[in-house]
């Protein structure tokens, strides 16, 4: 399925009046993971109130010990500070990388903004080296724009 074909499915989930926000987030994770072979772990991290740390939200994929990530630590923590997308073609080449699993080869993290404030991010790990393109970034920005309406 293409990114364009997925957009209406994302909107359908985020505008569903029956599901809770948590269910919507989990359904988005499942949709993305099931739609792309190279999306092996899909999840959300959210800022923990006013604390400078991220808390793991809904996700699909292998279990992770990284349920709390301080700002600045790892790829997710860096995005919490920079407010910029971060595409890592090869996690082994990153100094400030928190290893979740030896199977993870690359990662993309896109911040989630609500009213101009970075409240969290979508995080995707891949078992493939360098699979993420600009098209992934633009699509994930769209996903986060839809999710922002839930807050």
N, C-alpha and C. Protein backbone atom coordinates (compact mmCIF):
# COMPACT_ATOMS: atom_id res chain seq x y z
N UNK A 1 0.84 -1.19 0.00
CA UNK A 1 0.00 0.00 0.00
C UNK A 1 0.88 1.25 0.00
N UNK A 2 0.48 2.26 -0.72
CA UNK A 2 1.28 3.48 -0.80
C UNK A 2 0.91 4.43 0.34
N UNK A 3 1.75 5.43 0.53
CA UNK A 3 1.47 6.44 1.56
C UNK A 3 0.15 7.14 1.25
N UNK A 4 -0.07 7.47 -0.01
CA UNK A 4 -1.30 8.17 -0.39
C UNK A 4 -2.53 7.32 -0.11
N UNK A 5 -2.42 6.02 -0.36
CA UNK A 5 -3.55 5.12 -0.09
C UNK A 5 -3.81 4.97 1.41
N UNK A 6 -2.77 5.15 2.21
CA UNK A 6 -2.93 5.02 3.66
C UNK A 6 -3.53 6.26 4.33
N UNK A 7 -3.36 7.41 3.73
CA UNK A 7 -3.83 8.65 4.36
C UNK A 7 -5.30 8.59 4.76
N UNK A 8 -6.22 8.15 3.88
CA UNK A 8 -7.62 8.08 4.31
C UNK A 8 -7.85 7.09 5.45
N UNK A 9 -7.07 6.04 5.50
CA UNK A 9 -7.20 5.05 6.57
C UNK A 9 -6.77 5.67 7.91
N UNK A 10 -5.70 6.48 7.87
CA UNK A 10 -5.24 7.19 9.08
C UNK A 10 -6.33 8.13 9.56
N UNK A 11 -6.89 8.91 8.64
CA UNK A 11 -7.94 9.86 8.99
C UNK A 11 -9.18 9.14 9.53
N UNK A 12 -9.50 7.99 8.94
CA UNK A 12 -10.64 7.20 9.41
C UNK A 12 -10.45 6.78 10.87
N UNK A 13 -9.22 6.40 11.22
CA UNK A 13 -8.94 6.00 12.60
C UNK A 13 -9.03 7.20 13.53
N UNK A 14 -8.39 8.30 13.15
CA UNK A 14 -8.33 9.46 14.07
C UNK A 14 -9.67 10.13 14.25
N UNK A 15 -10.58 9.96 13.28
CA UNK A 15 -11.90 10.60 13.41
C UNK A 15 -12.97 9.64 13.92
N UNK A 16 -12.59 8.42 14.24
CA UNK A 16 -13.54 7.44 14.77
C UNK A 16 -14.08 7.92 16.11
N UNK A 17 -15.40 8.00 16.22
CA UNK A 17 -16.00 8.57 17.44
C UNK A 17 -16.20 7.54 18.55
N UNK A 18 -15.93 6.27 18.26
CA UNK A 18 -16.15 5.22 19.25
C UNK A 18 -14.87 4.90 20.03
N UNK A 19 -13.74 4.92 19.35
CA UNK A 19 -12.46 4.55 19.99
C UNK A 19 -11.94 5.65 20.91
N UNK A 20 -11.23 5.23 21.96
CA UNK A 20 -10.53 6.18 22.83
C UNK A 20 -9.27 6.67 22.11
N UNK A 21 -8.66 7.70 22.63
CA UNK A 21 -7.42 8.21 22.05
C UNK A 21 -6.35 7.12 22.05
N UNK A 22 -6.22 6.39 23.16
CA UNK A 22 -5.22 5.31 23.24
C UNK A 22 -5.47 4.25 22.18
N UNK A 23 -6.73 3.89 21.98
CA UNK A 23 -7.07 2.89 20.96
C UNK A 23 -6.73 3.41 19.57
N UNK A 24 -6.99 4.68 19.32
CA UNK A 24 -6.66 5.28 18.02
C UNK A 24 -5.16 5.23 17.78
N UNK A 25 -4.37 5.61 18.79
CA UNK A 25 -2.91 5.58 18.66
C UNK A 25 -2.41 4.17 18.38
N UNK A 26 -2.94 3.20 19.11
CA UNK A 26 -2.54 1.82 18.90
C UNK A 26 -2.93 1.33 17.51
N UNK A 27 -4.12 1.71 17.06
CA UNK A 27 -4.56 1.32 15.72
C UNK A 27 -3.68 1.95 14.63
N UNK A 28 -3.24 3.17 14.84
CA UNK A 28 -2.32 3.81 13.89
C UNK A 28 -1.02 3.00 13.86
N UNK A 29 -0.49 2.65 15.02
CA UNK A 29 0.74 1.85 15.09
C UNK A 29 0.57 0.54 14.32
N UNK A 30 -0.54 -0.13 14.56
CA UNK A 30 -0.79 -1.42 13.88
C UNK A 30 -0.91 -1.23 12.38
N UNK A 31 -1.63 -0.20 11.95
CA UNK A 31 -1.80 0.07 10.52
C UNK A 31 -0.44 0.29 9.85
N UNK A 32 0.40 1.10 10.46
CA UNK A 32 1.70 1.40 9.86
C UNK A 32 2.60 0.16 9.83
N UNK A 33 2.68 -0.53 10.96
CA UNK A 33 3.54 -1.71 11.02
C UNK A 33 3.10 -2.77 10.02
N UNK A 34 1.80 -2.95 9.87
CA UNK A 34 1.28 -3.97 8.96
C UNK A 34 1.31 -3.55 7.49
N UNK A 35 1.55 -2.27 7.23
CA UNK A 35 1.52 -1.78 5.85
C UNK A 35 2.89 -1.75 5.18
N UNK A 36 3.95 -1.73 5.98
CA UNK A 36 5.30 -1.62 5.41
C UNK A 36 6.22 -2.66 6.04
N UNK A 37 6.85 -3.47 5.22
CA UNK A 37 7.74 -4.53 5.71
C UNK A 37 8.88 -3.98 6.55
N UNK A 38 9.33 -2.78 6.26
CA UNK A 38 10.49 -2.22 6.95
C UNK A 38 10.11 -1.40 8.19
N UNK A 39 8.83 -1.34 8.54
CA UNK A 39 8.38 -0.73 9.79
C UNK A 39 8.24 -1.87 10.80
N UNK A 40 9.31 -2.14 11.56
CA UNK A 40 9.31 -3.30 12.45
C UNK A 40 8.86 -2.99 13.88
N UNK A 41 8.97 -1.74 14.29
CA UNK A 41 8.50 -1.30 15.61
C UNK A 41 7.95 0.09 15.40
N UNK A 42 6.71 0.31 15.80
CA UNK A 42 6.06 1.61 15.63
C UNK A 42 5.44 2.00 16.96
N UNK A 43 5.81 3.18 17.45
CA UNK A 43 5.26 3.60 18.73
C UNK A 43 5.31 5.10 18.93
N UNK A 44 4.70 5.51 20.00
CA UNK A 44 4.66 6.93 20.38
C UNK A 44 5.31 7.12 21.73
N UNK A 45 6.01 8.23 21.85
CA UNK A 45 6.51 8.71 23.13
C UNK A 45 5.91 10.09 23.36
N UNK A 46 5.54 10.37 24.61
CA UNK A 46 4.95 11.66 24.95
C UNK A 46 5.70 12.31 26.10
N UNK A 47 5.74 13.63 26.05
CA UNK A 47 6.36 14.38 27.15
C UNK A 47 5.60 14.10 28.43
N UNK A 48 6.34 13.91 29.51
CA UNK A 48 5.77 13.62 30.82
C UNK A 48 5.48 14.94 31.54
N UNK A 49 4.33 15.53 31.26
CA UNK A 49 3.96 16.80 31.88
C UNK A 49 4.99 17.88 31.59
N UNK A 50 5.50 18.50 32.63
CA UNK A 50 6.52 19.54 32.46
C UNK A 50 7.93 18.98 32.60
N UNK A 51 8.04 17.69 32.96
CA UNK A 51 9.35 17.07 33.12
C UNK A 51 10.05 16.95 31.77
N UNK A 52 11.35 17.00 31.78
CA UNK A 52 12.12 16.85 30.55
C UNK A 52 12.44 15.39 30.33
N UNK A 53 11.36 14.63 30.09
CA UNK A 53 11.48 13.21 29.80
C UNK A 53 10.28 12.77 28.98
N UNK A 54 10.49 11.69 28.24
CA UNK A 54 9.45 11.10 27.42
C UNK A 54 8.97 9.81 28.06
N UNK A 55 7.67 9.56 27.96
CA UNK A 55 7.06 8.33 28.47
C UNK A 55 6.52 7.55 27.28
N UNK A 56 6.78 6.26 27.27
CA UNK A 56 6.31 5.40 26.20
C UNK A 56 4.78 5.35 26.18
N UNK A 57 4.23 5.54 24.99
CA UNK A 57 2.80 5.42 24.78
C UNK A 57 2.49 4.12 24.05
N UNK A 58 1.37 4.08 23.36
CA UNK A 58 1.01 2.88 22.60
C UNK A 58 2.09 2.54 21.56
N UNK A 59 2.32 1.25 21.36
CA UNK A 59 3.28 0.80 20.36
C UNK A 59 2.97 -0.62 19.94
N UNK A 60 3.53 -1.03 18.81
CA UNK A 60 3.47 -2.41 18.36
C UNK A 60 4.88 -2.82 17.94
N UNK A 61 5.21 -4.05 18.24
CA UNK A 61 6.55 -4.56 17.96
C UNK A 61 7.10 -5.19 19.22
N UNK A 62 8.38 -5.47 19.19
CA UNK A 62 9.03 -6.12 20.33
C UNK A 62 8.93 -5.26 21.58
N UNK A 63 8.80 -5.91 22.72
CA UNK A 63 8.76 -5.19 24.00
C UNK A 63 10.06 -4.39 24.17
N UNK A 64 9.95 -3.26 24.86
CA UNK A 64 11.12 -2.42 25.10
C UNK A 64 11.23 -2.07 26.57
N UNK A 65 12.47 -1.97 27.03
CA UNK A 65 12.72 -1.52 28.40
C UNK A 65 12.71 0.01 28.48
N UNK A 66 12.73 0.67 27.33
CA UNK A 66 12.85 2.13 27.29
C UNK A 66 11.47 2.78 27.40
N UNK A 67 10.96 2.77 28.62
CA UNK A 67 9.64 3.34 28.88
C UNK A 67 9.74 4.81 29.31
N UNK A 68 10.91 5.23 29.75
CA UNK A 68 11.17 6.63 30.10
C UNK A 68 12.50 7.01 29.45
N UNK A 69 12.49 8.10 28.67
CA UNK A 69 13.70 8.56 28.00
C UNK A 69 13.94 10.02 28.35
N UNK A 70 15.07 10.34 28.97
CA UNK A 70 15.37 11.74 29.28
C UNK A 70 15.59 12.55 28.00
N UNK A 71 15.19 13.81 28.03
CA UNK A 71 15.46 14.70 26.91
C UNK A 71 16.96 14.68 26.62
N UNK A 72 17.31 14.64 25.35
CA UNK A 72 18.70 14.66 24.92
C UNK A 72 19.32 13.29 24.78
N UNK A 73 18.69 12.25 25.36
CA UNK A 73 19.28 10.91 25.33
C UNK A 73 18.66 10.09 24.20
N UNK A 74 19.51 9.47 23.40
CA UNK A 74 19.03 8.66 22.28
C UNK A 74 18.42 9.51 21.19
N UNK A 75 17.91 8.85 20.17
CA UNK A 75 17.31 9.56 19.05
C UNK A 75 16.04 10.28 19.49
N UNK A 76 15.18 9.59 20.23
CA UNK A 76 13.94 10.21 20.70
C UNK A 76 14.20 11.41 21.60
N UNK A 77 15.13 11.25 22.52
CA UNK A 77 15.47 12.35 23.41
C UNK A 77 16.05 13.55 22.68
N UNK A 78 16.79 13.29 21.61
CA UNK A 78 17.34 14.39 20.81
C UNK A 78 16.23 15.13 20.07
N UNK A 79 15.25 14.39 19.55
CA UNK A 79 14.13 15.02 18.84
C UNK A 79 13.29 15.86 19.80
N UNK A 80 13.18 15.43 21.06
CA UNK A 80 12.44 16.20 22.06
C UNK A 80 13.08 17.57 22.27
N UNK A 81 14.40 17.66 22.06
CA UNK A 81 15.12 18.91 22.24
C UNK A 81 15.17 19.73 20.94
N UNK A 82 15.44 19.05 19.82
CA UNK A 82 15.65 19.75 18.54
C UNK A 82 14.36 20.17 17.85
N UNK A 83 13.26 19.46 18.13
CA UNK A 83 11.99 19.68 17.44
C UNK A 83 12.08 19.42 15.94
N UNK A 84 13.03 18.60 15.54
CA UNK A 84 13.26 18.29 14.12
C UNK A 84 13.13 16.79 13.89
N UNK A 85 12.71 16.42 12.68
CA UNK A 85 12.73 15.01 12.29
C UNK A 85 14.16 14.51 12.39
N UNK A 86 14.31 13.24 12.70
CA UNK A 86 15.64 12.63 12.78
C UNK A 86 15.56 11.27 12.10
N UNK A 87 16.27 11.16 10.98
CA UNK A 87 16.35 9.90 10.24
C UNK A 87 17.74 9.34 10.45
N UNK A 88 17.81 8.12 10.94
CA UNK A 88 19.09 7.47 11.21
C UNK A 88 19.21 6.26 10.28
N UNK A 89 20.00 6.38 9.20
CA UNK A 89 20.13 5.28 8.24
C UNK A 89 20.80 4.04 8.84
N UNK A 90 21.72 4.27 9.80
CA UNK A 90 22.46 3.17 10.42
C UNK A 90 22.69 3.52 11.89
N UNK A 91 21.92 2.88 12.78
CA UNK A 91 22.01 3.21 14.20
C UNK A 91 23.40 2.92 14.77
N UNK A 92 24.14 1.99 14.16
CA UNK A 92 25.48 1.65 14.66
C UNK A 92 26.44 2.82 14.48
N UNK A 93 26.11 3.76 13.60
CA UNK A 93 26.97 4.91 13.35
C UNK A 93 26.64 6.09 14.27
N UNK A 94 25.62 5.94 15.13
CA UNK A 94 25.19 7.02 16.02
C UNK A 94 25.83 6.88 17.40
N UNK A 95 26.47 7.94 17.86
CA UNK A 95 27.07 7.93 19.20
C UNK A 95 26.00 7.93 20.29
N UNK A 96 24.96 8.75 20.10
CA UNK A 96 23.94 8.93 21.12
C UNK A 96 22.70 8.10 20.77
N UNK A 97 22.89 6.80 20.67
CA UNK A 97 21.80 5.90 20.34
C UNK A 97 21.56 4.95 21.50
N UNK A 98 20.29 4.76 21.85
CA UNK A 98 19.92 3.80 22.90
C UNK A 98 19.49 2.52 22.18
N UNK A 99 20.27 1.48 22.30
CA UNK A 99 19.95 0.23 21.62
C UNK A 99 18.75 -0.44 22.27
N UNK A 100 17.74 -0.69 21.47
CA UNK A 100 16.56 -1.43 21.94
C UNK A 100 16.74 -2.91 21.68
N UNK A 101 17.32 -3.22 20.52
CA UNK A 101 17.48 -4.60 20.11
C UNK A 101 18.60 -4.66 19.08
N UNK A 102 19.34 -5.74 19.07
CA UNK A 102 20.42 -5.89 18.09
C UNK A 102 19.87 -6.00 16.67
N UNK A 103 18.57 -6.27 16.53
CA UNK A 103 17.97 -6.40 15.20
C UNK A 103 17.66 -5.04 14.57
N UNK A 104 17.62 -3.97 15.37
CA UNK A 104 17.32 -2.64 14.84
C UNK A 104 18.54 -2.11 14.10
N UNK A 105 18.32 -1.73 12.84
CA UNK A 105 19.40 -1.21 12.00
C UNK A 105 19.25 0.28 11.70
N UNK A 106 17.99 0.76 11.71
CA UNK A 106 17.75 2.16 11.38
C UNK A 106 16.51 2.64 12.12
N UNK A 107 16.34 3.97 12.15
CA UNK A 107 15.25 4.56 12.93
C UNK A 107 14.85 5.88 12.32
N UNK A 108 13.57 6.21 12.45
CA UNK A 108 13.05 7.53 12.09
C UNK A 108 12.16 8.01 13.23
N UNK A 109 12.36 9.26 13.61
CA UNK A 109 11.55 9.87 14.68
C UNK A 109 11.05 11.22 14.17
N UNK A 110 9.74 11.43 14.28
CA UNK A 110 9.12 12.67 13.81
C UNK A 110 8.33 13.27 14.97
N UNK A 111 8.65 14.54 15.32
CA UNK A 111 7.97 15.17 16.46
C UNK A 111 6.49 15.43 16.19
N UNK A 112 5.73 15.44 17.27
CA UNK A 112 4.28 15.67 17.24
C UNK A 112 4.01 17.01 17.93
N UNK A 113 3.47 17.94 17.16
CA UNK A 113 3.21 19.28 17.67
C UNK A 113 1.72 19.52 17.87
N UNK A 114 1.37 20.11 19.01
CA UNK A 114 0.01 20.57 19.27
C UNK A 114 0.13 22.03 19.65
N UNK A 115 -0.55 22.89 18.87
CA UNK A 115 -0.48 24.34 19.08
C UNK A 115 0.97 24.83 19.16
N UNK A 116 1.82 24.30 18.29
CA UNK A 116 3.21 24.74 18.21
C UNK A 116 4.13 24.15 19.26
N UNK A 117 3.60 23.33 20.16
CA UNK A 117 4.41 22.73 21.22
C UNK A 117 4.67 21.26 20.91
N UNK A 118 5.92 20.84 21.07
CA UNK A 118 6.31 19.45 20.86
C UNK A 118 5.84 18.65 22.07
N UNK A 119 4.78 17.82 21.87
CA UNK A 119 4.23 17.04 22.99
C UNK A 119 4.67 15.58 22.96
N UNK A 120 5.33 15.20 21.88
CA UNK A 120 5.74 13.81 21.74
C UNK A 120 6.27 13.53 20.36
N UNK A 121 6.21 12.26 19.98
CA UNK A 121 6.77 11.86 18.69
C UNK A 121 6.34 10.47 18.30
N UNK A 122 6.42 10.23 17.02
CA UNK A 122 6.25 8.87 16.52
C UNK A 122 7.65 8.35 16.24
N UNK A 123 7.89 7.11 16.63
CA UNK A 123 9.21 6.49 16.54
C UNK A 123 9.04 5.18 15.78
N UNK A 124 9.86 4.99 14.74
CA UNK A 124 9.80 3.75 13.96
C UNK A 124 11.20 3.17 13.83
N UNK A 125 11.32 1.90 14.20
CA UNK A 125 12.58 1.16 14.05
C UNK A 125 12.44 0.20 12.89
N UNK A 126 13.56 -0.04 12.22
CA UNK A 126 13.58 -0.97 11.10
C UNK A 126 14.74 -1.94 11.25
N UNK A 127 14.52 -3.16 10.78
CA UNK A 127 15.58 -4.17 10.77
C UNK A 127 16.39 -4.09 9.48
N UNK A 128 16.14 -3.05 8.68
CA UNK A 128 16.79 -2.84 7.39
C UNK A 128 17.66 -1.59 7.49
N UNK A 129 18.83 -1.63 6.88
CA UNK A 129 19.68 -0.44 6.81
C UNK A 129 19.10 0.56 5.82
N UNK A 130 19.02 1.82 6.21
CA UNK A 130 18.69 2.95 5.35
C UNK A 130 17.41 2.80 4.50
N UNK A 131 16.28 2.40 5.10
CA UNK A 131 15.07 2.25 4.29
C UNK A 131 14.22 3.52 4.19
N UNK A 132 14.44 4.47 5.10
CA UNK A 132 13.54 5.62 5.21
C UNK A 132 13.90 6.70 4.20
N UNK A 133 12.86 7.23 3.54
CA UNK A 133 13.04 8.26 2.52
C UNK A 133 12.33 9.54 2.96
N UNK A 134 12.45 10.55 2.14
CA UNK A 134 11.72 11.79 2.40
C UNK A 134 10.21 11.53 2.36
N UNK A 135 9.79 10.57 1.55
CA UNK A 135 8.36 10.22 1.49
C UNK A 135 7.88 9.69 2.84
N UNK A 136 8.71 8.91 3.52
CA UNK A 136 8.35 8.44 4.88
C UNK A 136 8.19 9.65 5.80
N UNK A 137 9.12 10.58 5.73
CA UNK A 137 9.05 11.77 6.60
C UNK A 137 7.76 12.54 6.36
N UNK A 138 7.45 12.82 5.08
CA UNK A 138 6.25 13.60 4.78
C UNK A 138 4.99 12.85 5.24
N UNK A 139 4.96 11.54 5.04
CA UNK A 139 3.80 10.75 5.47
C UNK A 139 3.66 10.78 6.98
N UNK A 140 4.75 10.60 7.71
CA UNK A 140 4.69 10.59 9.17
C UNK A 140 4.33 11.97 9.71
N UNK A 141 4.73 13.02 9.02
CA UNK A 141 4.29 14.37 9.41
C UNK A 141 2.77 14.48 9.26
N UNK A 142 2.24 13.91 8.16
CA UNK A 142 0.78 13.89 7.97
C UNK A 142 0.11 13.12 9.11
N UNK A 143 0.65 11.95 9.44
CA UNK A 143 0.10 11.13 10.53
C UNK A 143 0.05 11.96 11.81
N UNK A 144 1.15 12.63 12.13
CA UNK A 144 1.19 13.41 13.37
C UNK A 144 0.23 14.60 13.33
N UNK A 145 0.02 15.19 12.15
CA UNK A 145 -0.96 16.29 12.04
C UNK A 145 -2.36 15.77 12.37
N UNK A 146 -2.67 14.56 11.92
CA UNK A 146 -3.98 13.97 12.22
C UNK A 146 -4.09 13.64 13.72
N UNK A 147 -3.01 13.12 14.28
CA UNK A 147 -3.01 12.76 15.70
C UNK A 147 -3.10 14.00 16.59
N UNK A 148 -2.48 15.08 16.15
CA UNK A 148 -2.51 16.33 16.94
C UNK A 148 -3.94 16.77 17.23
N UNK A 149 -4.85 16.44 16.33
CA UNK A 149 -6.25 16.84 16.54
C UNK A 149 -6.92 16.08 17.68
N UNK A 150 -6.26 15.04 18.18
CA UNK A 150 -6.81 14.25 19.29
C UNK A 150 -6.51 14.89 20.64
N UNK A 151 -5.66 15.92 20.64
CA UNK A 151 -5.21 16.52 21.91
C UNK A 151 -5.80 17.90 22.09
